[in-house]
Amino acid sequence: MRVFYEDGIVVQDGIKEIILDPARPTPGSIVSHGHMDHLTEGGVMTPETLEILKVRKHSSVATPLPYNLERDVNGFRVRLRDAGHVFGSAMIRADDLLYTGDMNPEGGVTCGKAVPERCTTLVIEATYGKPYLNFPPKHVVESDLLNWVEFSLSEGPVALGGYDFGKAQELIALVNRLKVEVAVSDRIADIADVYRRAGVKLAYRRISELSESERKDPRVYVLPRGWLKPPLEESVSWLGQTGMRTAYCSGWCTIYDFTRRYGLDAQFPLSDHADFDALLRFVDACRPKRVYTVFSHPVDLAREIERRLHIPAEPLRMKSTTKVKTT
């Protein structure tokens, strides 16, 4: 079996060929999830990701494949497994190869968990693939976040910033535990509506539907990350006058100080990816004969897999299209 990167992860086995997470629409490809650096039309994906495709790219050109059902794709026996990354995200099993896509063995409040499985070849993400990129336990981060939100609400509105798809809906679900009102941008609400239609319980209002008299009420706003610093678009410019306290939620808060960079009140290392230690544990549990690493820090992760686990590993160098992780 040959694996390489050329505008997507190409897997060849004899005369068979399949492309995973292609950079452009490719019939017969397989798409792992709905973040924009992975999402293209034309391929096989979970029904949940297809619904995200409809909202984010206004397209329904895709073939749905539910989790754990097998389908022949270009001669490969393909199954999609829950990746624990975001709603609808999938690890891709093609014969004896497992591609994780972006994944998280801890999962989240709006998705399942990535479960390792035996495979001959493993292609694993390296978003947090450097040895110092580790997070505190997720339940501790969530508790710290909710404690901060609850305390800050005693002084007025609170705004939490995160990626439009995935992180924003996780934040809605977490804040719902406090039984306080959550208001979100239309862009976040459009995606959250997909979750609700699929049975995920989320309670929120659209900011665009708030009356002028409601605007200073002590609620939590979940906003696109770019909205945490001015200038705001005209339709929501009044948010800057509410005196709201602001926080950013991302795994990158582990190493970057966004409070100083953007003038925020707090930050929380809440991630929907596996950290470095979790990546190593996942590889070890899969017991592969060969590992390929991809995205962000593939060289570092491949080196550490060989050094610590004694499994042959090499990075898939991204020759044609560079995918930069922002989540």
Protein backbone atom coordinates (compact mmCIF):
# COMPACT_ATOMS: atom_id res chain seq x y z
CA MET A 1 0.00 0.00 0.00
CA ARG A 2 1.30 3.44 -0.95
CA VAL A 3 0.24 6.64 0.85
CA PHE A 4 1.20 10.17 -0.18
CA TYR A 5 -0.19 13.71 -0.24
CA GLU A 6 -1.22 15.36 -3.49
CA ASP A 7 -4.11 17.78 -3.01
CA GLY A 8 -5.42 15.27 -0.49
CA ILE A 9 -4.30 12.04 1.12
CA VAL A 10 -3.92 9.52 -1.69
CA VAL A 11 -4.04 5.81 -0.87
CA GLN A 12 -3.02 3.33 -3.55
CA ASP A 13 -3.11 -0.45 -3.34
CA GLY A 14 -2.34 -2.18 -6.60
CA ILE A 15 -4.72 -0.75 -9.16
CA LYS A 16 -7.01 0.70 -6.48
CA GLU A 17 -6.82 4.39 -5.53
CA ILE A 18 -8.79 6.55 -3.14
CA ILE A 19 -8.35 10.15 -1.98
CA LEU A 20 -9.17 11.26 1.56
CA ASP A 21 -10.00 14.88 2.43
CA PRO A 22 -9.27 16.22 -1.05
CA ALA A 23 -8.42 19.88 -1.50
CA ARG A 24 -11.08 20.28 -4.21
CA PRO A 25 -14.36 18.53 -5.12
CA THR A 26 -13.52 14.97 -6.13
CA PRO A 27 -16.10 12.28 -6.97
CA GLY A 28 -15.34 9.04 -5.15
CA SER A 29 -13.32 10.75 -2.43
CA ILE A 30 -14.05 10.56 1.30
CA VAL A 31 -14.44 13.64 3.51
CA SER A 32 -13.76 13.39 7.25
CA HIS A 33 -15.70 16.39 8.59
CA GLY A 34 -17.20 19.81 8.07
CA HIS A 35 -14.39 22.24 8.90
CA MET A 36 -13.61 24.33 5.86
CA ASP A 37 -10.03 23.05 5.50
CA HIS A 38 -11.47 19.54 4.97
CA LEU A 39 -14.95 20.09 3.55
CA THR A 40 -15.45 19.55 -0.18
CA GLU A 41 -18.44 18.35 -2.16
CA GLY A 42 -18.65 15.25 -4.32
CA GLY A 43 -17.35 12.69 -1.85
CA VAL A 44 -18.56 10.18 0.70
CA MET A 45 -19.24 11.61 4.18
CA THR A 46 -21.46 11.05 7.21
CA PRO A 47 -25.08 12.22 6.88
CA GLU A 48 -24.30 14.79 9.59
CA THR A 49 -21.40 16.24 7.60
CA LEU A 50 -23.62 16.34 4.52
CA GLU A 51 -26.04 18.56 6.45
CA ILE A 52 -23.13 20.82 7.40
CA LEU A 53 -22.08 20.91 3.73
CA LYS A 54 -25.55 22.17 2.82
CA VAL A 55 -25.27 25.06 5.30
CA ARG A 56 -21.61 25.99 4.85
CA LYS A 57 -21.22 25.50 1.08
CA HIS A 58 -24.86 25.46 -0.04
CA SER A 59 -24.33 22.13 -1.77
CA SER A 60 -25.83 18.68 -1.38
CA VAL A 61 -23.51 16.96 -3.85
CA ALA A 62 -22.22 14.13 -1.67
CA THR A 63 -22.91 10.50 -0.77
CA PRO A 64 -23.99 9.89 2.83
CA LEU A 65 -22.51 6.91 4.68
CA PRO A 66 -23.61 6.44 8.31
CA TYR A 67 -21.10 5.46 10.97
CA ASN A 68 -20.01 1.79 11.02
CA LEU A 69 -21.72 0.74 7.78
CA GLU A 70 -19.44 -0.68 5.07
CA ARG A 71 -19.40 0.52 1.48
CA ASP A 72 -17.17 -0.26 -1.48
CA VAL A 73 -15.43 2.92 -2.66
CA ASN A 74 -13.10 2.54 -5.64
CA GLY A 75 -12.45 -1.07 -4.62
CA PHE A 76 -11.71 -0.31 -0.95
CA ARG A 77 -13.92 -1.56 1.90
CA VAL A 78 -14.74 1.70 3.65
CA ARG A 79 -16.25 2.33 7.09
CA LEU A 80 -16.60 5.64 8.92
CA ARG A 81 -15.92 5.73 12.67
CA ASP A 82 -16.72 8.55 15.10
CA ALA A 83 -13.68 10.85 15.38
CA GLY A 84 -14.83 12.75 18.49
CA HIS A 85 -13.75 16.04 16.88
CA VAL A 86 -16.98 17.80 15.91
CA PHE A 87 -20.55 16.88 15.03
CA GLY A 88 -20.43 14.30 12.21
CA SER A 89 -16.64 13.98 12.16
CA ALA A 90 -15.28 10.60 11.06
CA MET A 91 -12.19 8.52 11.07
CA ILE A 92 -11.95 6.63 7.78
CA ARG A 93 -11.24 2.91 7.63
CA ALA A 94 -10.20 1.75 4.14
CA ASP A 95 -9.29 -1.95 4.17
CA ASP A 96 -6.46 -2.19 6.75
CA LEU A 97 -5.68 1.54 6.75
CA LEU A 98 -7.12 3.93 9.33
CA TYR A 99 -7.09 7.68 8.74
CA THR A 100 -8.06 9.66 11.82
CA GLY A 101 -8.81 13.01 10.22
CA ASP A 102 -8.96 15.51 13.07
CA MET A 103 -9.87 13.52 16.14
CA ASN A 104 -10.27 13.55 19.91
CA PRO A 105 -10.37 10.45 22.14
CA GLU A 106 -11.99 12.58 24.88
CA GLY A 107 -14.80 13.67 22.57
CA GLY A 108 -17.11 16.53 23.46
CA VAL A 109 -20.57 17.35 24.75
CA THR A 110 -22.00 17.43 21.20
CA CYS A 111 -20.17 14.45 19.65
CA GLY A 112 -18.81 11.01 20.50
CA LYS A 113 -15.23 9.86 21.06
CA ALA A 114 -12.46 8.53 18.82
CA VAL A 115 -11.79 4.90 19.72
CA PRO A 116 -8.50 3.34 18.58
CA GLU A 117 -8.63 0.14 16.57
CA ARG A 118 -6.05 -2.29 15.25
CA CYS A 119 -4.80 -1.48 11.76
CA THR A 120 -1.80 -2.16 9.55
CA THR A 121 -1.36 1.43 8.37
CA LEU A 122 -2.31 4.49 10.44
CA VAL A 123 -2.52 8.03 9.05
CA ILE A 124 -2.84 10.36 12.02
CA GLU A 125 -3.24 14.10 12.42
CA ALA A 126 -0.40 16.06 14.04
CA THR A 127 -2.14 19.36 14.84
CA TYR A 128 -0.75 19.26 18.39
CA GLY A 129 2.11 16.95 17.47
CA LYS A 130 4.91 18.63 19.44
CA PRO A 131 5.81 17.17 22.87
CA TYR A 132 4.98 20.39 24.77
CA LEU A 133 1.48 20.70 23.28
CA ASN A 134 -0.60 19.15 26.05
CA PHE A 135 -3.84 20.34 27.63
CA PRO A 136 -5.17 20.19 31.17
CA PRO A 137 -7.89 17.53 31.66
CA LYS A 138 -10.92 18.58 29.65
CA HIS A 139 -13.35 18.38 32.55
CA VAL A 140 -11.11 20.77 34.50
CA VAL A 141 -11.06 23.29 31.63
CA GLU A 142 -14.84 23.07 31.28
CA SER A 143 -15.30 23.58 35.02
CA ASP A 144 -12.94 26.57 35.06
CA LEU A 145 -14.77 28.10 32.11
CA LEU A 146 -18.22 27.72 33.66
CA ASN A 147 -17.04 29.06 37.02
CA TRP A 148 -15.61 32.13 35.28
CA VAL A 149 -18.81 32.64 33.28
CA GLU A 150 -21.01 32.36 36.36
CA PHE A 151 -18.88 34.81 38.34
CA SER A 152 -18.62 37.29 35.45
CA LEU A 153 -22.38 37.28 34.82
CA SER A 154 -22.85 38.95 38.20
CA GLU A 155 -21.27 42.05 36.62
CA GLY A 156 -22.99 41.98 33.24
CA PRO A 157 -22.98 40.20 29.87
CA VAL A 158 -20.29 37.69 28.93
CA ALA A 159 -18.98 36.88 25.44
CA LEU A 160 -17.22 33.63 24.53
CA GLY A 161 -15.39 33.39 21.23
CA GLY A 162 -14.73 30.23 19.26
CA TYR A 163 -14.71 28.69 15.82
CA ASP A 164 -18.13 28.96 14.11
CA PHE A 165 -18.57 25.22 13.67
CA GLY A 166 -17.81 22.82 16.48
CA LYS A 167 -16.39 25.00 19.22
CA ALA A 168 -19.31 27.45 19.21
CA GLN A 169 -21.87 24.66 19.57
CA GLU A 170 -19.81 23.03 22.35
CA LEU A 171 -19.85 26.37 24.17
CA ILE A 172 -23.62 26.66 23.80
CA ALA A 173 -24.06 23.16 25.27
CA LEU A 174 -21.68 23.89 28.16
CA VAL A 175 -23.29 27.22 29.07
CA ASN A 176 -26.73 25.59 28.89
CA ARG A 177 -25.70 23.73 32.06
CA LEU A 178 -25.85 27.06 33.90
CA LYS A 179 -29.50 27.60 32.87
CA VAL A 180 -28.75 31.11 31.58
CA GLU A 181 -29.76 32.57 28.24
CA VAL A 182 -27.36 32.18 25.33
CA ALA A 183 -27.43 34.41 22.25
CA VAL A 184 -25.42 33.68 19.11
CA SER A 185 -24.65 35.13 15.71
CA ASP A 186 -26.77 34.03 12.75
CA ARG A 187 -23.80 32.15 11.28
CA ILE A 188 -23.37 30.09 14.45
CA ALA A 189 -27.15 29.63 14.77
CA ASP A 190 -27.46 28.30 11.21
CA ILE A 191 -25.04 25.51 12.10
CA ALA A 192 -26.52 24.95 15.55
CA ASP A 193 -29.92 24.49 13.89
CA VAL A 194 -28.43 21.43 12.11
CA TYR A 195 -27.43 19.98 15.47
CA ARG A 196 -30.94 20.49 16.85
CA ARG A 197 -32.56 18.84 13.85
CA ALA A 198 -30.30 15.84 14.54
CA GLY A 199 -31.49 15.65 18.14
CA VAL A 200 -28.63 17.44 19.90
CA LYS A 201 -30.12 19.57 22.68
CA LEU A 202 -28.99 23.18 22.37
CA ALA A 203 -30.83 26.24 23.71
CA TYR A 204 -30.00 29.64 22.19
CA ARG A 205 -31.44 32.76 20.61
CA ARG A 206 -30.21 34.71 17.63
CA ILE A 207 -28.61 38.06 18.42
CA SER A 208 -30.44 39.48 15.42
CA GLU A 209 -33.76 38.74 17.14
CA LEU A 210 -33.01 40.56 20.41
CA SER A 211 -35.03 43.68 21.02
CA GLU A 212 -33.25 46.90 21.91
CA SER A 213 -34.53 46.69 25.49
CA GLU A 214 -33.04 43.17 25.87
CA ARG A 215 -29.54 44.04 24.74
CA LYS A 216 -28.05 44.82 28.16
CA ASP A 217 -29.53 41.83 29.96
CA PRO A 218 -26.96 39.58 31.72
CA ARG A 219 -26.70 36.76 29.20
CA VAL A 220 -23.88 34.81 27.52
CA TYR A 221 -23.02 35.58 23.92
CA VAL A 222 -21.26 32.92 21.85
CA LEU A 223 -19.54 34.74 19.00
CA PRO A 224 -17.26 34.07 16.05
CA ARG A 225 -13.66 34.49 17.20
CA GLY A 226 -13.20 37.61 15.07
CA TRP A 227 -15.97 39.39 16.95
CA LEU A 228 -14.06 39.58 20.24
CA LYS A 229 -12.14 42.64 19.10
CA PRO A 230 -13.40 45.76 17.29
CA PRO A 231 -14.49 46.86 14.84
CA LEU A 232 -17.78 44.95 14.89
CA GLU A 233 -20.08 44.96 11.89
CA GLU A 234 -22.73 47.66 12.04
CA SER A 235 -25.63 45.32 12.86
CA VAL A 236 -24.00 44.29 16.16
CA SER A 237 -21.93 47.38 16.95
CA TRP A 238 -24.05 47.88 20.09
CA LEU A 239 -22.35 44.84 21.63
CA GLY A 240 -19.28 46.97 22.22
CA GLN A 241 -21.34 49.26 24.46
CA THR A 242 -22.62 46.53 26.81
CA GLY A 243 -19.47 46.37 28.93
CA MET A 244 -19.32 42.62 28.36
CA ARG A 245 -16.42 40.53 29.64
CA THR A 246 -14.74 38.46 26.95
CA ALA A 247 -12.94 35.11 26.73
CA TYR A 248 -11.50 33.03 23.90
CA CYS A 249 -11.63 29.22 23.87
CA SER A 250 -9.07 27.24 21.87
CA GLY A 251 -6.43 24.60 22.35
CA TRP A 252 -3.90 27.21 21.26
CA CYS A 253 -4.55 29.08 24.50
CA THR A 254 -2.11 26.56 25.97
CA ILE A 255 0.83 28.41 24.42
CA TYR A 256 -0.45 31.79 23.15
CA ASP A 257 -1.62 34.73 25.24
CA PHE A 258 -4.74 35.96 23.46
CA THR A 259 -5.72 38.13 26.42
CA ARG A 260 -2.82 40.48 25.72
CA ARG A 261 -3.00 40.17 21.95
CA TYR A 262 -6.71 40.99 21.69
CA GLY A 263 -7.40 42.73 25.00
CA LEU A 264 -9.58 39.92 26.39
CA ASP A 265 -10.46 39.20 30.00
CA ALA A 266 -9.75 35.46 29.96
CA GLN A 267 -8.86 32.47 27.82
CA PHE A 268 -9.41 28.74 28.17
CA PRO A 269 -7.51 25.87 26.46
CA LEU A 270 -10.66 24.06 25.33
CA SER A 271 -9.78 21.93 22.31
CA ASP A 272 -11.58 19.50 20.02
CA HIS A 273 -8.28 17.82 19.08
CA ALA A 274 -6.11 15.23 20.75
CA ASP A 275 -3.07 16.70 22.47
CA PHE A 276 0.42 15.26 22.08
CA ASP A 277 0.16 12.63 24.80
CA ALA A 278 -3.27 11.52 23.54
CA LEU A 279 -1.88 11.15 20.01
CA LEU A 280 0.87 8.84 21.26
CA ARG A 281 -1.56 6.78 23.31
CA PHE A 282 -3.83 6.45 20.28
CA VAL A 283 -1.00 5.27 18.05
CA ASP A 284 0.14 2.75 20.66
CA ALA A 285 -3.37 1.34 21.03
CA CYS A 286 -3.83 0.90 17.26
CA ARG A 287 -0.67 -1.24 17.02
CA PRO A 288 0.06 -0.26 13.39
CA LYS A 289 3.02 -1.55 11.41
CA ARG A 290 3.54 1.89 9.84
CA VAL A 291 2.39 5.41 10.70
CA TYR A 292 2.06 8.48 8.50
CA THR A 293 1.62 11.87 10.17
CA VAL A 294 -0.13 14.84 8.58
CA PHE A 295 -1.09 18.48 9.29
CA SER A 296 0.76 21.18 11.28
CA HIS A 297 3.57 19.23 13.05
CA PRO A 298 4.00 15.95 11.15
CA VAL A 299 7.81 15.85 11.36
CA ASP A 300 7.86 16.24 15.14
CA LEU A 301 5.16 13.66 15.74
CA ALA A 302 6.70 11.08 13.39
CA ARG A 303 10.06 11.47 15.12
CA GLU A 304 8.54 10.99 18.57
CA ILE A 305 6.51 7.96 17.48
CA GLU A 306 9.67 6.26 16.24
CA ARG A 307 11.70 7.28 19.30
CA ARG A 308 9.14 6.40 21.97
CA LEU A 309 7.02 3.66 20.42
CA HIS A 310 9.56 2.14 18.01
CA ILE A 311 7.04 2.09 15.17
CA PRO A 312 8.18 3.19 11.68
CA ALA A 313 6.70 6.62 11.05
CA GLU A 314 7.09 9.35 8.47
CA PRO A 315 5.42 12.67 7.70
CA LEU A 316 3.17 13.12 4.70
CA ARG A 317 4.58 16.30 3.25
CA MET A 318 1.95 18.56 1.78
CA LYS A 319 3.25 19.44 -1.67
CA SER A 320 0.28 21.03 -3.38
CA THR A 321 -2.04 22.54 -0.78
CA THR A 322 -1.10 23.50 2.75
CA LYS A 323 -3.84 23.00 5.35
CA VAL A 324 -3.37 25.22 8.39
CA LYS A 325 -5.21 24.23 11.54
CA THR A 326 -7.07 26.97 13.37
CA THR A 327 -9.21 24.96 15.78
